[in-house]
Amino acid sequence: MRNTDLSEATEVARGRRAAAIWNDILRFAMREAGIAVALVLIVLFFSLTAPYFATPENFLKIFVQIAINTVLASGMTVVILTGGIDLSVGSVLALCTVVGALIMTDRDLPVALSVPLALFGCMGVGALCGAINGFVCEQWKVPSFIVTLGMLNVASGFARVTSNNSTITGLPQPFVDFGNMIVWGVFPSIFLIAVGVILIGWFILRFTVFGRLIYAIGTNEEAVRLSGHAPRFYKIAAFTISGLTAGIAAMVYLLRLNVGSPIAGVGYELNAIAAVIIGGTSFSGGKGSIIGTLVGACILQVLTTGLQLFGAGDNVKPIVIGTVIVLAVVLDAYRDRFLRAIESR
């Protein structure tokens, strides 16, 4: 009898382990692999139907064009994971491009000094704007939508005043050359910068206490508070990171376009939000990944490029991309229900 009971208990344990493994596979398929498969299918579709899509030159163009949005969306992911949103990143990027360009065009500074100063200047201004967003949201409990909408206008105004409402050109030639560099004949330098930002963000969110608490705040903020942590600090930090990545994206913008502009970044915040949502991060917070955001940015750019090659006008592209965003939100709702059903088994 005792041996029979042990064997039954062993079988039950094995069954539970198998079920847990299967549930993990389903979760991965729904949240990570599913998005990657969608990207592969879209690429295959355009490769077979759109003229000149499947060419090295076109893929190189796609890599160049997704860099700025990928960097912006990486910081946006952290904010959305906490249940917030940052509408100011496009205007903050514009302000940072002006700051960076002014520093690099200062003829009293050598290139070896002006470029690092411009980088730190962009990152510092961006982080300050983000920190202000987070502080106002938490200090007075104002919805992040309203606060960041205000910062959008404030940063845009400062960009115009600082630049005297003009475009700043004449960036150092070594800086311009680095922005045009193609590594191994395949990857643009600015794309590798974007991938580096994504990898750093992935490591922080995946392997640090800070990252785990960001997810926890989006899932159940009160539980985080009761566990002895201060959600206020982490939410301010999330907005600061979003501003910081806007500053880095400004440097990528300068590398790509070689001008500082007070009107740079118009609509960039919507593209960043779209990349995050399409990449599988839930608007309600607590679910998603920064790798998914990279895939979401790729999907957006592949769709845009494919539609251009089909000859779709500028009026058609927003309709298609907007439809994809709505479908991604609807899919997220059904995906959450499916995952809850899995977890309840």
Protein backbone atom coordinates (compact mmCIF):
# COMPACT_ATOMS: atom_id res chain seq x y z
CA MET A 1 0.00 0.00 0.00
CA ARG A 2 2.79 2.38 0.97
CA ASN A 3 4.61 1.84 -2.34
CA THR A 4 1.37 2.41 -4.25
CA ASP A 5 0.77 5.71 -2.43
CA LEU A 6 4.33 6.85 -3.17
CA SER A 7 4.01 6.02 -6.85
CA GLU A 8 0.70 7.88 -7.07
CA ALA A 9 2.23 10.91 -5.33
CA THR A 10 5.18 10.79 -7.72
CA GLU A 11 2.87 10.67 -10.72
CA VAL A 12 0.86 13.61 -9.38
CA ALA A 13 4.07 15.64 -8.85
CA ARG A 14 5.26 14.83 -12.36
CA GLY A 15 1.89 15.86 -13.76
CA ARG A 16 2.03 19.17 -11.93
CA ARG A 17 5.57 19.82 -13.15
CA ALA A 18 4.56 19.02 -16.72
CA ALA A 19 1.53 21.32 -16.42
CA ALA A 20 3.71 24.12 -15.04
CA ILE A 21 6.20 23.72 -17.89
CA TRP A 22 3.37 23.74 -20.44
CA ASN A 23 1.87 26.87 -18.87
CA ASP A 24 5.27 28.60 -19.04
CA ILE A 25 5.53 27.66 -22.72
CA LEU A 26 2.05 29.06 -23.39
CA ARG A 27 2.87 32.30 -21.57
CA PHE A 28 6.08 32.68 -23.59
CA ALA A 29 4.25 31.94 -26.82
CA MET A 30 1.53 34.50 -26.04
CA ARG A 31 3.78 37.32 -24.81
CA GLU A 32 7.15 36.95 -26.57
CA ALA A 33 7.29 34.39 -29.35
CA GLY A 34 3.88 35.38 -30.75
CA ILE A 35 5.07 38.93 -31.43
CA ALA A 36 8.28 37.69 -33.05
CA VAL A 37 6.30 35.29 -35.25
CA ALA A 38 4.03 38.18 -36.30
CA LEU A 39 7.12 40.20 -37.32
CA VAL A 40 8.50 37.29 -39.34
CA LEU A 41 5.15 36.81 -41.12
CA ILE A 42 4.89 40.52 -41.98
CA VAL A 43 8.45 40.52 -43.33
CA LEU A 44 7.70 37.42 -45.42
CA PHE A 45 4.49 38.96 -46.75
CA PHE A 46 6.20 42.15 -47.92
CA SER A 47 9.21 40.21 -49.21
CA LEU A 48 6.92 38.22 -51.50
CA THR A 49 4.61 41.05 -52.56
CA ALA A 50 6.34 44.44 -52.30
CA PRO A 51 8.95 45.37 -54.93
CA TYR A 52 12.52 45.86 -53.64
CA PHE A 53 11.55 45.05 -50.04
CA ALA A 54 13.83 42.04 -49.57
CA THR A 55 17.05 43.86 -50.47
CA PRO A 56 20.09 44.63 -48.30
CA GLU A 57 19.66 48.36 -48.94
CA ASN A 58 16.06 48.30 -47.73
CA PHE A 59 16.84 46.34 -44.56
CA LEU A 60 19.70 48.76 -43.87
CA LYS A 61 17.21 51.63 -44.21
CA ILE A 62 14.84 49.93 -41.77
CA PHE A 63 17.64 49.48 -39.21
CA VAL A 64 18.45 53.20 -39.49
CA GLN A 65 14.85 54.32 -39.16
CA ILE A 66 13.90 52.25 -36.10
CA ALA A 67 16.82 53.45 -33.96
CA ILE A 68 15.28 56.65 -32.56
CA ASN A 69 11.89 55.10 -31.85
CA THR A 70 13.49 52.05 -30.22
CA VAL A 71 15.45 54.19 -27.75
CA LEU A 72 12.40 56.34 -26.94
CA ALA A 73 10.17 53.29 -26.55
CA SER A 74 12.62 51.58 -24.17
CA GLY A 75 12.08 54.30 -21.56
CA MET A 76 8.37 54.45 -22.33
CA THR A 77 8.17 50.73 -21.53
CA VAL A 78 9.36 51.32 -17.97
CA VAL A 79 6.72 54.02 -17.42
CA ILE A 80 3.87 51.96 -18.89
CA LEU A 81 4.89 48.94 -16.81
CA THR A 82 4.13 51.05 -13.71
CA GLY A 83 0.71 51.96 -15.12
CA GLY A 84 1.68 55.47 -16.27
CA ILE A 85 2.29 57.14 -19.62
CA ASP A 86 4.72 59.79 -20.88
CA LEU A 87 3.44 62.06 -23.65
CA SER A 88 6.35 64.50 -23.37
CA VAL A 89 9.19 62.40 -24.84
CA GLY A 90 8.94 63.88 -28.34
CA SER A 91 9.23 67.48 -27.13
CA VAL A 92 11.93 66.55 -24.62
CA LEU A 93 13.86 64.98 -27.50
CA ALA A 94 13.52 68.26 -29.45
CA LEU A 95 14.83 70.28 -26.50
CA CYS A 96 17.74 67.88 -26.06
CA THR A 97 18.69 68.04 -29.75
CA VAL A 98 18.92 71.82 -29.41
CA VAL A 99 21.03 71.56 -26.24
CA GLY A 100 23.34 68.93 -27.79
CA ALA A 101 23.74 70.85 -31.05
CA LEU A 102 24.51 74.12 -29.25
CA ILE A 103 27.24 72.43 -27.22
CA MET A 104 28.81 70.72 -30.23
CA THR A 105 28.79 73.87 -32.35
CA ASP A 106 30.59 75.89 -29.68
CA ARG A 107 33.88 76.68 -31.44
CA ASP A 108 35.67 77.21 -28.13
CA LEU A 109 35.31 73.52 -27.30
CA PRO A 110 37.45 70.82 -28.94
CA VAL A 111 35.54 67.96 -30.56
CA ALA A 112 36.93 65.45 -28.06
CA LEU A 113 35.28 67.45 -25.28
CA SER A 114 32.18 68.85 -26.98
CA VAL A 115 30.71 65.46 -27.96
CA PRO A 116 30.85 63.93 -24.44
CA LEU A 117 29.53 67.20 -22.99
CA ALA A 118 26.68 67.14 -25.50
CA LEU A 119 25.84 63.56 -24.53
CA PHE A 120 25.80 64.38 -20.82
CA GLY A 121 23.88 67.58 -21.53
CA CYS A 122 21.18 65.73 -23.47
CA MET A 123 20.92 62.98 -20.87
CA GLY A 124 20.88 65.49 -18.01
CA VAL A 125 18.17 67.71 -19.52
CA GLY A 126 16.08 64.67 -20.45
CA ALA A 127 16.42 63.09 -17.01
CA LEU A 128 15.52 66.41 -15.34
CA CYS A 129 12.33 66.73 -17.42
CA GLY A 130 11.43 63.13 -16.58
CA ALA A 131 12.11 63.63 -12.88
CA ILE A 132 9.86 66.70 -12.84
CA ASN A 133 7.10 64.68 -14.50
CA GLY A 134 7.41 61.92 -11.92
CA PHE A 135 7.65 64.29 -8.94
CA VAL A 136 4.55 66.27 -9.92
CA CYS A 137 2.58 63.08 -10.56
CA GLU A 138 3.49 61.62 -7.17
CA GLN A 139 3.56 64.78 -5.05
CA TRP A 140 0.09 65.99 -6.06
CA LYS A 141 -1.35 62.71 -7.38
CA VAL A 142 -2.03 64.19 -10.80
CA PRO A 143 -2.59 61.67 -13.63
CA SER A 144 0.56 61.21 -15.70
CA PHE A 145 -1.43 61.89 -18.88
CA ILE A 146 -2.08 65.49 -17.75
CA VAL A 147 1.38 66.17 -16.31
CA THR A 148 3.30 64.89 -19.32
CA LEU A 149 0.93 66.70 -21.69
CA GLY A 150 1.93 69.89 -19.87
CA MET A 151 5.62 68.99 -20.10
CA LEU A 152 5.15 68.39 -23.82
CA ASN A 153 4.29 72.08 -24.25
CA VAL A 154 6.87 73.34 -21.75
CA ALA A 155 9.76 71.42 -23.39
CA SER A 156 8.62 72.46 -26.86
CA GLY A 157 8.56 76.11 -25.77
CA PHE A 158 12.02 75.90 -24.20
CA ALA A 159 13.35 74.27 -27.39
CA ARG A 160 12.06 77.19 -29.47
CA VAL A 161 13.35 79.84 -27.08
CA THR A 162 16.78 78.21 -26.66
CA SER A 163 17.31 77.81 -30.40
CA ASN A 164 15.74 81.18 -31.26
CA ASN A 165 13.26 79.14 -33.29
CA SER A 166 15.92 78.10 -35.80
CA THR A 167 17.64 74.89 -36.87
CA ILE A 168 21.22 74.41 -35.64
CA THR A 169 23.70 72.95 -38.14
CA GLY A 170 27.47 72.55 -38.46
CA LEU A 171 28.01 69.57 -36.15
CA PRO A 172 31.60 68.24 -35.89
CA GLN A 173 32.59 66.08 -38.85
CA PRO A 174 33.89 63.14 -36.73
CA PHE A 175 30.48 63.02 -35.03
CA VAL A 176 28.71 63.04 -38.40
CA ASP A 177 31.04 60.32 -39.72
CA PHE A 178 30.28 58.11 -36.72
CA GLY A 179 26.56 58.51 -37.35
CA ASN A 180 27.04 57.35 -40.95
CA MET A 181 29.16 54.35 -40.00
CA ILE A 182 27.99 50.87 -41.03
CA VAL A 183 29.44 48.15 -38.78
CA TRP A 184 30.41 44.89 -40.51
CA GLY A 185 28.67 46.23 -43.61
CA VAL A 186 25.29 45.32 -42.09
CA PHE A 187 24.42 47.32 -38.96
CA PRO A 188 24.29 51.13 -38.78
CA SER A 189 26.05 52.53 -35.72
CA ILE A 190 22.86 54.19 -34.46
CA PHE A 191 21.00 50.86 -34.61
CA LEU A 192 23.68 49.27 -32.44
CA ILE A 193 23.27 52.11 -29.94
CA ALA A 194 19.55 51.36 -29.83
CA VAL A 195 20.20 47.65 -29.30
CA GLY A 196 22.64 48.51 -26.50
CA VAL A 197 19.96 50.59 -24.74
CA ILE A 198 17.47 47.73 -25.11
CA LEU A 199 19.94 45.21 -23.65
CA ILE A 200 20.70 47.44 -20.66
CA GLY A 201 16.97 47.93 -20.07
CA TRP A 202 16.34 44.19 -20.41
CA PHE A 203 19.02 43.40 -17.84
CA ILE A 204 17.69 45.97 -15.35
CA LEU A 205 14.08 44.84 -15.66
CA ARG A 206 14.89 41.14 -15.71
CA PHE A 207 17.66 40.71 -13.14
CA THR A 208 17.51 43.56 -10.62
CA VAL A 209 15.34 44.28 -7.60
CA PHE A 210 14.47 47.63 -9.19
CA GLY A 211 13.10 45.86 -12.27
CA ARG A 212 11.04 43.39 -10.25
CA LEU A 213 9.52 46.23 -8.25
CA ILE A 214 8.63 48.12 -11.44
CA TYR A 215 6.58 45.08 -12.51
CA ALA A 216 5.13 44.70 -9.03
CA ILE A 217 3.97 48.33 -8.89
CA GLY A 218 2.12 47.88 -12.17
CA THR A 219 0.50 44.71 -10.88
CA ASN A 220 -0.36 45.73 -7.29
CA GLU A 221 1.03 48.99 -5.97
CA GLU A 222 -0.53 48.55 -2.53
CA ALA A 223 1.21 45.19 -2.07
CA VAL A 224 4.55 46.86 -2.82
CA ARG A 225 3.81 49.53 -0.23
CA LEU A 226 2.85 46.94 2.40
CA SER A 227 6.08 45.04 1.70
CA GLY A 228 8.07 48.03 2.95
CA HIS A 229 9.02 49.64 -0.38
CA ALA A 230 8.09 53.15 -1.50
CA PRO A 231 6.29 53.03 -4.88
CA ARG A 232 6.69 56.83 -5.10
CA PHE A 233 10.48 56.53 -5.51
CA TYR A 234 10.27 53.87 -8.20
CA LYS A 235 7.59 55.69 -10.18
CA ILE A 236 9.63 58.91 -10.17
CA ALA A 237 12.63 56.83 -11.25
CA ALA A 238 10.59 55.33 -14.11
CA PHE A 239 9.77 58.80 -15.48
CA THR A 240 13.39 59.86 -15.00
CA ILE A 241 14.50 56.86 -17.08
CA SER A 242 11.98 57.82 -19.77
CA GLY A 243 13.45 61.34 -19.89
CA LEU A 244 16.98 59.93 -19.88
CA THR A 245 16.26 57.73 -22.90
CA ALA A 246 14.68 60.74 -24.64
CA GLY A 247 18.06 62.46 -24.17
CA ILE A 248 19.89 59.47 -25.63
CA ALA A 249 17.39 59.38 -28.51
CA ALA A 250 18.19 63.06 -29.12
CA MET A 251 21.86 62.15 -29.62
CA VAL A 252 20.79 59.37 -32.01
CA TYR A 253 18.67 61.97 -33.85
CA LEU A 254 21.70 64.25 -34.14
CA LEU A 255 23.81 61.35 -35.42
CA ARG A 256 21.22 60.51 -38.04
CA LEU A 257 20.08 63.95 -39.26
CA ASN A 258 23.04 66.14 -38.18
CA VAL A 259 20.83 69.05 -37.07
CA GLY A 260 19.33 70.25 -33.82
CA SER A 261 15.74 71.31 -34.36
CA PRO A 262 13.09 72.78 -32.04
CA ILE A 263 10.43 70.96 -34.04
CA ALA A 264 12.14 67.57 -33.95
CA GLY A 265 10.20 64.74 -32.38
CA VAL A 266 6.69 65.81 -33.38
CA GLY A 267 4.51 62.71 -33.01
CA TYR A 268 7.42 60.61 -31.76
CA GLU A 269 5.65 59.97 -28.44
CA LEU A 270 2.78 58.27 -30.27
CA ASN A 271 5.17 56.04 -32.22
CA ALA A 272 6.94 55.10 -28.97
CA ILE A 273 3.66 54.22 -27.25
CA ALA A 274 2.60 52.22 -30.31
CA ALA A 275 5.86 50.21 -30.27
CA VAL A 276 5.39 49.41 -26.58
CA ILE A 277 1.77 48.31 -26.95
CA ILE A 278 2.33 46.33 -30.15
CA GLY A 279 5.31 44.73 -28.39
CA GLY A 280 2.99 43.18 -25.81
CA THR A 281 3.24 45.53 -22.83
CA SER A 282 -0.15 46.00 -21.19
CA PHE A 283 -1.55 49.51 -20.76
CA SER A 284 -2.74 48.47 -17.31
CA GLY A 285 0.89 47.89 -16.24
CA GLY A 286 2.78 44.97 -14.76
CA LYS A 287 3.00 42.88 -17.96
CA GLY A 288 5.36 43.10 -20.89
CA SER A 289 9.02 43.22 -21.81
CA ILE A 290 11.51 45.59 -23.35
CA ILE A 291 12.54 42.94 -25.91
CA GLY A 292 8.92 42.91 -27.05
CA THR A 293 9.19 46.69 -27.44
CA LEU A 294 12.12 46.25 -29.84
CA VAL A 295 10.02 43.80 -31.88
CA GLY A 296 7.09 46.22 -31.77
CA ALA A 297 9.29 49.03 -33.13
CA CYS A 298 10.44 46.69 -35.92
CA ILE A 299 6.82 45.81 -36.79
CA LEU A 300 5.89 49.49 -37.01
CA GLN A 301 8.80 50.33 -39.29
CA VAL A 302 8.38 47.25 -41.49
CA LEU A 303 4.71 48.14 -41.98
CA THR A 304 5.60 51.74 -42.84
CA THR A 305 8.33 50.73 -45.29
CA GLY A 306 6.19 48.02 -46.90
CA LEU A 307 3.29 50.43 -47.42
CA GLN A 308 5.65 52.98 -48.97
CA LEU A 309 6.90 50.38 -51.44
CA PHE A 310 3.29 49.54 -52.29
CA GLY A 311 2.81 53.20 -53.14
CA ALA A 312 0.45 53.92 -50.25
CA GLY A 313 0.14 57.64 -49.63
CA ASP A 314 0.75 59.45 -46.37
CA ASN A 315 -3.00 59.43 -45.74
CA VAL A 316 -3.24 55.64 -45.88
CA LYS A 317 -0.30 54.75 -43.63
CA PRO A 318 -1.76 56.26 -40.43
CA ILE A 319 -5.00 54.34 -41.01
CA VAL A 320 -3.21 50.99 -41.29
CA ILE A 321 -0.85 51.64 -38.37
CA GLY A 322 -3.69 52.97 -36.20
CA THR A 323 -5.70 49.84 -36.95
CA VAL A 324 -2.73 47.68 -35.94
CA ILE A 325 -2.46 49.55 -32.62
CA VAL A 326 -6.17 49.06 -31.85
CA LEU A 327 -5.91 45.37 -32.73
CA ALA A 328 -2.88 45.06 -30.45
CA VAL A 329 -4.86 46.54 -27.53
CA VAL A 330 -7.81 44.23 -28.20
CA LEU A 331 -5.47 41.25 -28.47
CA ASP A 332 -3.88 42.26 -25.17
CA ALA A 333 -7.28 42.07 -23.46
CA TYR A 334 -7.98 38.58 -24.81
CA ARG A 335 -4.43 37.48 -24.07
CA ASP A 336 -4.80 38.55 -20.42
CA ARG A 337 -8.01 36.54 -20.11
CA PHE A 338 -6.35 33.50 -21.63
CA LEU A 339 -3.33 33.78 -19.32
CA ARG A 340 -5.57 34.18 -16.27
CA ALA A 341 -7.41 31.02 -17.32
CA ILE A 342 -4.08 29.20 -17.57
CA GLU A 343 -2.94 30.40 -14.15
CA SER A 344 -6.23 29.40 -12.51
CA ARG A 345 -5.81 25.78 -13.59
